Amino acid sequence: EKKKHVHGRCTGCRWLDVCAGNFRVRAEAATGDL
């Protein structure tokens, strides 16, 4: 249920239901935040 846990720009994004926060592993690699 990743849509409940992503934050940053994802929180208020109107496309969250069609994107689901995109790639978690890329977020982690680039920012350290899964």
PDB file of all heavy atoms in Angstrom:
ATOM      1  N   GLU A   1       0.845  -1.193   0.000  1.00  0.00           N
ATOM      2  CA  GLU A   1       0.000   0.000   0.000  1.00  0.00           C
ATOM      3  C   GLU A   1       0.884   1.248   0.000  1.00  0.00           C
ATOM      4  O   GLU A   1       0.723   2.148   0.832  1.00  0.00           O
ATOM      5  CB  GLU A   1      -0.955  -0.015   1.197  1.00  0.00           C
ATOM      6  CG  GLU A   1      -0.316  -0.338   2.532  1.00  0.00           C
ATOM      7  CD  GLU A   1      -1.305  -0.349   3.686  1.00  0.00           C
ATOM      8  OE1 GLU A   1      -2.529  -0.395   3.429  1.00  0.00           O
ATOM      9  OE2 GLU A   1      -0.850  -0.287   4.847  1.00  0.00           O
ATOM     10  N   LYS A   2       1.821   1.276  -0.927  1.00  0.00           N
ATOM     11  CA  LYS A   2       2.865   2.306  -0.911  1.00  0.00           C
ATOM     12  C   LYS A   2       2.323   3.719  -1.031  1.00  0.00           C
ATOM     13  O   LYS A   2       2.950   4.674  -0.555  1.00  0.00           O
ATOM     14  CB  LYS A   2       3.912   2.029  -2.002  1.00  0.00           C
ATOM     15  CG  LYS A   2       3.386   2.016  -3.426  1.00  0.00           C
ATOM     16  CD  LYS A   2       4.530   1.819  -4.431  1.00  0.00           C
ATOM     17  CE  LYS A   2       5.051   0.412  -4.456  1.00  0.00           C
ATOM     18  NZ  LYS A   2       4.123  -0.578  -5.014  1.00  0.00           N
ATOM     19  N   LYS A   3       1.161   3.888  -1.632  1.00  0.00           N
ATOM     20  CA  LYS A   3       0.619   5.244  -1.786  1.00  0.00           C
ATOM     21  C   LYS A   3       0.361   5.927  -0.446  1.00  0.00           C
ATOM     22  O   LYS A   3       0.330   7.148  -0.361  1.00  0.00           O
ATOM     23  CB  LYS A   3      -0.662   5.193  -2.621  1.00  0.00           C
ATOM     24  CG  LYS A   3      -0.414   4.934  -4.100  1.00  0.00           C
ATOM     25  CD  LYS A   3      -1.686   4.929  -4.910  1.00  0.00           C
ATOM     26  CE  LYS A   3      -2.419   3.617  -4.794  1.00  0.00           C
ATOM     27  NZ  LYS A   3      -3.545   3.520  -5.777  1.00  0.00           N
ATOM     28  N   LYS A   4       0.181   5.129   0.611  1.00  0.00           N
ATOM     29  CA  LYS A   4      -0.048   5.696   1.940  1.00  0.00           C
ATOM     30  C   LYS A   4       1.239   6.190   2.586  1.00  0.00           C
ATOM     31  O   LYS A   4       1.190   6.948   3.560  1.00  0.00           O
ATOM     32  CB  LYS A   4      -0.680   4.653   2.861  1.00  0.00           C
ATOM     33  CG  LYS A   4      -2.082   4.223   2.479  1.00  0.00           C
ATOM     34  CD  LYS A   4      -2.608   3.220   3.490  1.00  0.00           C
ATOM     35  CE  LYS A   4      -4.028   2.773   3.161  1.00  0.00           C
ATOM     36  NZ  LYS A   4      -4.537   1.783   4.157  1.00  0.00           N
ATOM     37  N   HIS A   5       2.388   5.771   2.070  1.00  0.00           N
ATOM     38  CA  HIS A   5       3.643   6.004   2.783  1.00  0.00           C
ATOM     39  C   HIS A   5       4.611   6.949   2.066  1.00  0.00           C
ATOM     40  O   HIS A   5       5.532   7.461   2.694  1.00  0.00           O
ATOM     41  CB  HIS A   5       4.330   4.658   3.042  1.00  0.00           C
ATOM     42  CG  HIS A   5       3.480   3.705   3.806  1.00  0.00           C
ATOM     43  ND1 HIS A   5       3.229   3.849   5.149  1.00  0.00           N
ATOM     44  CD2 HIS A   5       2.784   2.607   3.410  1.00  0.00           C
ATOM     45  CE1 HIS A   5       2.424   2.876   5.558  1.00  0.00           C
ATOM     46  NE2 HIS A   5       2.144   2.102   4.527  1.00  0.00           N
ATOM     47  N   VAL A   6       4.421   7.179   0.771  1.00  0.00           N
ATOM     48  CA  VAL A   6       5.314   8.099   0.068  1.00  0.00           C
ATOM     49  C   VAL A   6       5.034   9.525   0.530  1.00  0.00           C
ATOM     50  O   VAL A   6       3.914   9.863   0.938  1.00  0.00           O
ATOM     51  CB  VAL A   6       5.143   7.982  -1.465  1.00  0.00           C
ATOM     52  CG1 VAL A   6       5.633   6.633  -1.949  1.00  0.00           C
ATOM     53  CG2 VAL A   6       3.704   8.215  -1.888  1.00  0.00           C
ATOM     54  N   HIS A   7       6.077  10.359   0.488  1.00  0.00           N
ATOM     55  CA  HIS A   7       5.893  11.755   0.893  1.00  0.00           C
ATOM     56  C   HIS A   7       6.680  12.660  -0.041  1.00  0.00           C
ATOM     57  O   HIS A   7       6.975  12.275  -1.157  1.00  0.00           O
ATOM     58  CB  HIS A   7       6.278  11.952   2.364  1.00  0.00           C
ATOM     59  CG  HIS A   7       7.605  11.380   2.745  1.00  0.00           C
ATOM     60  ND1 HIS A   7       7.747  10.216   3.444  1.00  0.00           N
ATOM     61  CD2 HIS A   7       8.870  11.826   2.529  1.00  0.00           C
ATOM     62  CE1 HIS A   7       9.031   9.960   3.642  1.00  0.00           C
ATOM     63  NE2 HIS A   7       9.730  10.924   3.094  1.00  0.00           N
ATOM     64  N   GLY A   8       6.996  13.865   0.402  1.00  0.00           N
ATOM     65  CA  GLY A   8       7.615  14.825  -0.501  1.00  0.00           C
ATOM     66  C   GLY A   8       6.586  15.320  -1.509  1.00  0.00           C
ATOM     67  O   GLY A   8       5.417  15.519  -1.182  1.00  0.00           O
ATOM     68  N   ARG A   9       7.011  15.484  -2.750  1.00  0.00           N
ATOM     69  CA  ARG A   9       6.112  15.979  -3.797  1.00  0.00           C
ATOM     70  C   ARG A   9       4.917  15.050  -4.008  1.00  0.00           C
ATOM     71  O   ARG A   9       3.861  15.475  -4.485  1.00  0.00           O
ATOM     72  CB  ARG A   9       6.851  16.125  -5.132  1.00  0.00           C
ATOM     73  CG  ARG A   9       7.880  17.212  -5.185  1.00  0.00           C
ATOM     74  CD  ARG A   9       8.482  17.291  -6.581  1.00  0.00           C
ATOM     75  NE  ARG A   9       7.657  18.085  -7.492  1.00  0.00           N
ATOM     76  CZ  ARG A   9       7.351  17.731  -8.723  1.00  0.00           C
ATOM     77  NH1 ARG A   9       7.731  16.547  -9.187  1.00  0.00           N
ATOM     78  NH2 ARG A   9       6.641  18.534  -9.492  1.00  0.00           N
ATOM     79  N   CYS A  10       5.095  13.759  -3.680  1.00  0.00           N
ATOM     80  CA  CYS A  10       4.024  12.785  -3.923  1.00  0.00           C
ATOM     81  C   CYS A  10       2.772  13.068  -3.096  1.00  0.00           C
ATOM     82  O   CYS A  10       1.656  12.725  -3.505  1.00  0.00           O
ATOM     83  CB  CYS A  10       4.515  11.370  -3.610  1.00  0.00           C
ATOM     84  SG  CYS A  10       5.900  10.800  -4.627  1.00  0.00           S
ATOM     85  N   THR A  11       2.950  13.657  -1.931  1.00  0.00           N
ATOM     86  CA  THR A  11       1.849  13.787  -0.975  1.00  0.00           C
ATOM     87  C   THR A  11       0.635  14.488  -1.570  1.00  0.00           C
ATOM     88  O   THR A  11      -0.505  14.021  -1.438  1.00  0.00           O
ATOM     89  CB  THR A  11       2.317  14.550   0.278  1.00  0.00           C
ATOM     90  OG1 THR A  11       3.464  13.904   0.821  1.00  0.00           O
ATOM     91  CG2 THR A  11       1.213  14.583   1.326  1.00  0.00           C
ATOM     92  N   GLY A  12       0.853  15.603  -2.240  1.00  0.00           N
ATOM     93  CA  GLY A  12      -0.266  16.352  -2.800  1.00  0.00           C
ATOM     94  C   GLY A  12      -0.446  16.165  -4.288  1.00  0.00           C
ATOM     95  O   GLY A  12      -1.189  16.930  -4.916  1.00  0.00           O
ATOM     96  N   CYS A  13       0.204  15.157  -4.868  1.00  0.00           N
ATOM     97  CA  CYS A  13       0.164  14.979  -6.322  1.00  0.00           C
ATOM     98  C   CYS A  13      -1.168  14.373  -6.762  1.00  0.00           C
ATOM     99  O   CYS A  13      -1.610  13.355  -6.231  1.00  0.00           O
ATOM    100  CB  CYS A  13       1.308  14.073  -6.769  1.00  0.00           C
ATOM    101  SG  CYS A  13       1.297  13.730  -8.548  1.00  0.00           S
ATOM    102  N   ARG A  14      -1.777  14.961  -7.760  1.00  0.00           N
ATOM    103  CA  ARG A  14      -3.070  14.456  -8.227  1.00  0.00           C
ATOM    104  C   ARG A  14      -2.930  13.159  -9.028  1.00  0.00           C
ATOM    105  O   ARG A  14      -3.945  12.522  -9.349  1.00  0.00           O
ATOM    106  CB  ARG A  14      -3.779  15.509  -9.071  1.00  0.00           C
ATOM    107  CG  ARG A  14      -3.076  15.901 -10.368  1.00  0.00           C
ATOM    108  CD  ARG A  14      -4.000  16.770 -11.207  1.00  0.00           C
ATOM    109  NE  ARG A  14      -3.307  17.456 -12.273  1.00  0.00           N
ATOM    110  CZ  ARG A  14      -3.864  17.720 -13.448  1.00  0.00           C
ATOM    111  NH1 ARG A  14      -5.104  17.333 -13.705  1.00  0.00           N
ATOM    112  NH2 ARG A  14      -3.187  18.378 -14.372  1.00  0.00           N
ATOM    113  N   TRP A  15      -1.703  12.748  -9.338  1.00  0.00           N
ATOM    114  CA  TRP A  15      -1.498  11.533 -10.128  1.00  0.00           C
ATOM    115  C   TRP A  15      -1.071  10.349  -9.278  1.00  0.00           C
ATOM    116  O   TRP A  15      -0.694   9.305  -9.815  1.00  0.00           O
ATOM    117  CB  TRP A  15      -0.434  11.788 -11.209  1.00  0.00           C
ATOM    118  CG  TRP A  15      -0.738  12.956 -12.084  1.00  0.00           C
ATOM    119  CD1 TRP A  15      -0.051  14.122 -12.176  1.00  0.00           C
ATOM    120  CD2 TRP A  15      -1.842  13.070 -12.992  1.00  0.00           C
ATOM    121  NE1 TRP A  15      -0.638  14.968 -13.072  1.00  0.00           N
ATOM    122  CE2 TRP A  15      -1.749  14.342 -13.595  1.00  0.00           C
ATOM    123  CE3 TRP A  15      -2.901  12.225 -13.343  1.00  0.00           C
ATOM    124  CZ2 TRP A  15      -2.665  14.789 -14.543  1.00  0.00           C
ATOM    125  CZ3 TRP A  15      -3.816  12.674 -14.287  1.00  0.00           C
ATOM    126  CH2 TRP A  15      -3.698  13.933 -14.872  1.00  0.00           C
ATOM    127  N   LEU A  16      -1.157  10.477  -7.971  1.00  0.00           N
ATOM    128  CA  LEU A  16      -0.664   9.406  -7.109  1.00  0.00           C
ATOM    129  C   LEU A  16      -1.373   8.080  -7.378  1.00  0.00           C
ATOM    130  O   LEU A  16      -0.759   7.011  -7.320  1.00  0.00           O
ATOM    131  CB  LEU A  16      -0.821   9.795  -5.639  1.00  0.00           C
ATOM    132  CG  LEU A  16      -0.205   8.844  -4.601  1.00  0.00           C
ATOM    133  CD1 LEU A  16       1.288   8.639  -4.849  1.00  0.00           C
ATOM    134  CD2 LEU A  16      -0.442   9.369  -3.188  1.00  0.00           C
ATOM    135  N   ASP A  17      -2.659   8.132  -7.743  1.00  0.00           N
ATOM    136  CA  ASP A  17      -3.395   6.888  -7.965  1.00  0.00           C
ATOM    137  C   ASP A  17      -3.007   6.200  -9.263  1.00  0.00           C
ATOM    138  O   ASP A  17      -3.287   5.015  -9.444  1.00  0.00           O
ATOM    139  CB  ASP A  17      -4.913   7.133  -7.939  1.00  0.00           C
ATOM    140  CG  ASP A  17      -5.385   8.077  -9.037  1.00  0.00           C
ATOM    141  OD1 ASP A  17      -4.582   8.938  -9.450  1.00  0.00           O
ATOM    142  OD2 ASP A  17      -6.551   7.957  -9.475  1.00  0.00           O
ATOM    143  N   VAL A  18      -2.350   6.915 -10.185  1.00  0.00           N
ATOM    144  CA  VAL A  18      -1.917   6.280 -11.437  1.00  0.00           C
ATOM    145  C   VAL A  18      -0.401   6.078 -11.482  1.00  0.00           C
ATOM    146  O   VAL A  18       0.117   5.516 -12.443  1.00  0.00           O
ATOM    147  CB  VAL A  18      -2.367   7.079 -12.680  1.00  0.00           C
ATOM    148  CG1 VAL A  18      -3.870   7.247 -12.689  1.00  0.00           C
ATOM    149  CG2 VAL A  18      -1.673   8.429 -12.770  1.00  0.00           C
ATOM    150  N   CYS A  19       0.296   6.527 -10.459  1.00  0.00           N
ATOM    151  CA  CYS A  19       1.758   6.445 -10.409  1.00  0.00           C
ATOM    152  C   CYS A  19       2.246   5.611  -9.240  1.00  0.00           C
ATOM    153  O   CYS A  19       3.245   4.893  -9.344  1.00  0.00           O
ATOM    154  CB  CYS A  19       2.334   7.858 -10.335  1.00  0.00           C
ATOM    155  SG  CYS A  19       4.093   7.937  -9.972  1.00  0.00           S
ATOM    156  N   ALA A  20       1.563   5.720  -8.096  1.00  0.00           N
ATOM    157  CA  ALA A  20       1.922   5.016  -6.854  1.00  0.00           C
ATOM    158  C   ALA A  20       3.297   5.417  -6.329  1.00  0.00           C
ATOM    159  O   ALA A  20       3.974   4.643  -5.669  1.00  0.00           O
ATOM    160  CB  ALA A  20       1.842   3.500  -7.041  1.00  0.00           C
ATOM    161  N   GLY A  21       3.705   6.641  -6.635  1.00  0.00           N
ATOM    162  CA  GLY A  21       4.957   7.135  -6.080  1.00  0.00           C
ATOM    163  C   GLY A  21       6.195   6.795  -6.886  1.00  0.00           C
ATOM    164  O   GLY A  21       7.319   7.037  -6.431  1.00  0.00           O
ATOM    165  N   ASN A  22       5.986   6.196  -8.082  1.00  0.00           N
ATOM    166  CA  ASN A  22       7.111   5.906  -8.971  1.00  0.00           C
ATOM    167  C   ASN A  22       8.087   4.911  -8.326  1.00  0.00           C
ATOM    168  O   ASN A  22       7.663   4.028  -7.588  1.00  0.00           O
ATOM    169  CB  ASN A  22       7.796   7.203  -9.401  1.00  0.00           C
ATOM    170  CG  ASN A  22       8.233   7.183 -10.859  1.00  0.00           C
ATOM    171  OD1 ASN A  22       8.488   6.138 -11.434  1.00  0.00           O
ATOM    172  ND2 ASN A  22       8.328   8.351 -11.459  1.00  0.00           N
ATOM    173  N   PHE A  23       9.391   5.035  -8.548  1.00  0.00           N
ATOM    174  CA  PHE A  23      10.355   4.002  -8.168  1.00  0.00           C
ATOM    175  C   PHE A  23      10.992   4.276  -6.809  1.00  0.00           C
ATOM    176  O   PHE A  23      11.754   5.221  -6.639  1.00  0.00           O
ATOM    177  CB  PHE A  23      11.457   3.901  -9.233  1.00  0.00           C
ATOM    178  CG  PHE A  23      11.492   2.569  -9.908  1.00  0.00           C
ATOM    179  CD1 PHE A  23      10.598   2.275 -10.915  1.00  0.00           C
ATOM    180  CD2 PHE A  23      12.382   1.591  -9.521  1.00  0.00           C
ATOM    181  CE1 PHE A  23      10.601   1.040 -11.537  1.00  0.00           C
ATOM    182  CE2 PHE A  23      12.401   0.353 -10.129  1.00  0.00           C
ATOM    183  CZ  PHE A  23      11.505   0.077 -11.144  1.00  0.00           C
ATOM    184  N   ARG A  24      10.691   3.403  -5.843  1.00  0.00           N
ATOM    185  CA  ARG A  24      11.223   3.554  -4.489  1.00  0.00           C
ATOM    186  C   ARG A  24      12.736   3.370  -4.447  1.00  0.00           C
ATOM    187  O   ARG A  24      13.436   4.076  -3.712  1.00  0.00           O
ATOM    188  CB  ARG A  24      10.558   2.561  -3.538  1.00  0.00           C
ATOM    189  CG  ARG A  24       9.048   2.691  -3.375  1.00  0.00           C
ATOM    190  CD  ARG A  24       8.655   4.020  -2.743  1.00  0.00           C
ATOM    191  NE  ARG A  24       8.511   5.083  -3.714  1.00  0.00           N
ATOM    192  CZ  ARG A  24       8.992   6.307  -3.557  1.00  0.00           C
ATOM    193  NH1 ARG A  24       9.674   6.624  -2.475  1.00  0.00           N
ATOM    194  NH2 ARG A  24       8.807   7.218  -4.473  1.00  0.00           N
ATOM    195  N   VAL A  25      13.244   2.422  -5.212  1.00  0.00           N
ATOM    196  CA  VAL A  25      14.678   2.147  -5.145  1.00  0.00           C
ATOM    197  C   VAL A  25      15.489   3.315  -5.707  1.00  0.00           C
ATOM    198  O   VAL A  25      16.597   3.595  -5.251  1.00  0.00           O
ATOM    199  CB  VAL A  25      15.008   0.821  -5.870  1.00  0.00           C
ATOM    200  CG1 VAL A  25      14.904   0.958  -7.381  1.00  0.00           C
ATOM    201  CG2 VAL A  25      16.387   0.311  -5.473  1.00  0.00           C
ATOM    202  N   ARG A  26      14.922   4.037  -6.682  1.00  0.00           N
ATOM    203  CA  ARG A  26      15.629   5.198  -7.234  1.00  0.00           C
ATOM    204  C   ARG A  26      15.592   6.358  -6.243  1.00  0.00           C
ATOM    205  O   ARG A  26      16.583   7.089  -6.091  1.00  0.00           O
ATOM    206  CB  ARG A  26      15.007   5.600  -8.568  1.00  0.00           C
ATOM    207  CG  ARG A  26      15.797   6.625  -9.356  1.00  0.00           C
ATOM    208  CD  ARG A  26      15.397   6.652 -10.818  1.00  0.00           C
ATOM    209  NE  ARG A  26      13.953   6.703 -10.979  1.00  0.00           N
ATOM    210  CZ  ARG A  26      13.300   6.140 -12.012  1.00  0.00           C
ATOM    211  NH1 ARG A  26      13.968   5.494 -12.952  1.00  0.00           N
ATOM    212  NH2 ARG A  26      11.986   6.241 -12.095  1.00  0.00           N
ATOM    213  N   ALA A  27      14.465   6.514  -5.554  1.00  0.00           N
ATOM    214  CA  ALA A  27      14.379   7.541  -4.507  1.00  0.00           C
ATOM    215  C   ALA A  27      15.405   7.270  -3.420  1.00  0.00           C
ATOM    216  O   ALA A  27      16.104   8.184  -2.952  1.00  0.00           O
ATOM    217  CB  ALA A  27      12.967   7.571  -3.929  1.00  0.00           C
ATOM    218  N   GLU A  28      15.506   6.017  -3.003  1.00  0.00           N
ATOM    219  CA  GLU A  28      16.453   5.648  -1.950  1.00  0.00           C
ATOM    220  C   GLU A  28      17.890   5.885  -2.397  1.00  0.00           C
ATOM    221  O   GLU A  28      18.715   6.426  -1.642  1.00  0.00           O
ATOM    222  CB  GLU A  28      16.249   4.184  -1.565  1.00  0.00           C
ATOM    223  CG  GLU A  28      17.170   3.724  -0.443  1.00  0.00           C
ATOM    224  CD  GLU A  28      17.058   2.238  -0.186  1.00  0.00           C
ATOM    225  OE1 GLU A  28      16.857   1.473  -1.144  1.00  0.00           O
ATOM    226  OE2 GLU A  28      17.187   1.835   0.985  1.00  0.00           O
ATOM    227  N   ALA A  29      18.219   5.482  -3.636  1.00  0.00           N
ATOM    228  CA  ALA A  29      19.592   5.619  -4.127  1.00  0.00           C
ATOM    229  C   ALA A  29      20.009   7.079  -4.230  1.00  0.00           C
ATOM    230  O   ALA A  29      21.152   7.436  -3.945  1.00  0.00           O
ATOM    231  CB  ALA A  29      19.731   4.935  -5.484  1.00  0.00           C
ATOM    232  N   ALA A  30      19.075   7.931  -4.637  1.00  0.00           N
ATOM    233  CA  ALA A  30      19.407   9.337  -4.870  1.00  0.00           C
ATOM    234  C   ALA A  30      19.345  10.186  -3.613  1.00  0.00           C
ATOM    235  O   ALA A  30      20.106  11.152  -3.463  1.00  0.00           O
ATOM    236  CB  ALA A  30      18.482   9.922  -5.935  1.00  0.00           C
ATOM    237  N   THR A  31      18.440   9.830  -2.669  1.00  0.00           N
ATOM    238  CA  THR A  31      18.196  10.700  -1.521  1.00  0.00           C
ATOM    239  C   THR A  31      18.442  10.032  -0.173  1.00  0.00           C
ATOM    240  O   THR A  31      18.505  10.719   0.844  1.00  0.00           O
ATOM    241  CB  THR A  31      16.746  11.209  -1.540  1.00  0.00           C
ATOM    242  OG1 THR A  31      15.849  10.109  -1.258  1.00  0.00           O
ATOM    243  CG2 THR A  31      16.383  11.807  -2.898  1.00  0.00           C
ATOM    244  N   GLY A  32      18.534   8.698  -0.160  1.00  0.00           N
ATOM    245  CA  GLY A  32      18.648   7.979   1.103  1.00  0.00           C
ATOM    246  C   GLY A  32      17.320   7.742   1.794  1.00  0.00           C
ATOM    247  O   GLY A  32      17.268   7.095   2.840  1.00  0.00           O
ATOM    248  N   ASP A  33      16.234   8.243   1.212  1.00  0.00           N
ATOM    249  CA  ASP A  33      14.904   8.122   1.810  1.00  0.00           C
ATOM    250  C   ASP A  33      14.060   7.182   0.950  1.00  0.00           C
ATOM    251  O   ASP A  33      13.672   7.535  -0.173  1.00  0.00           O
ATOM    252  CB  ASP A  33      14.251   9.501   1.890  1.00  0.00           C
ATOM    253  CG  ASP A  33      12.881   9.476   2.566  1.00  0.00           C
ATOM    254  OD1 ASP A  33      12.388   8.376   2.900  1.00  0.00           O
ATOM    255  OD2 ASP A  33      12.297  10.570   2.745  1.00  0.00           O
ATOM    256  N   LEU A  34      13.766   6.001   1.475  1.00  0.00           N
ATOM    257  CA  LEU A  34      13.015   5.003   0.725  1.00  0.00           C
ATOM    258  C   LEU A  34      11.640   5.495   0.312  1.00  0.00           C
ATOM    259  O   LEU A  34      11.114   5.107  -0.731  1.00  0.00           O
ATOM    260  CB  LEU A  34      12.882   3.725   1.573  1.00  0.00           C
ATOM    261  CG  LEU A  34      12.137   2.541   0.964  1.00  0.00           C
ATOM    262  CD1 LEU A  34      12.820   2.071  -0.312  1.00  0.00           C
ATOM    263  CD2 LEU A  34      12.048   1.405   1.972  1.00  0.00           C
TER     264      LEU A  34
END
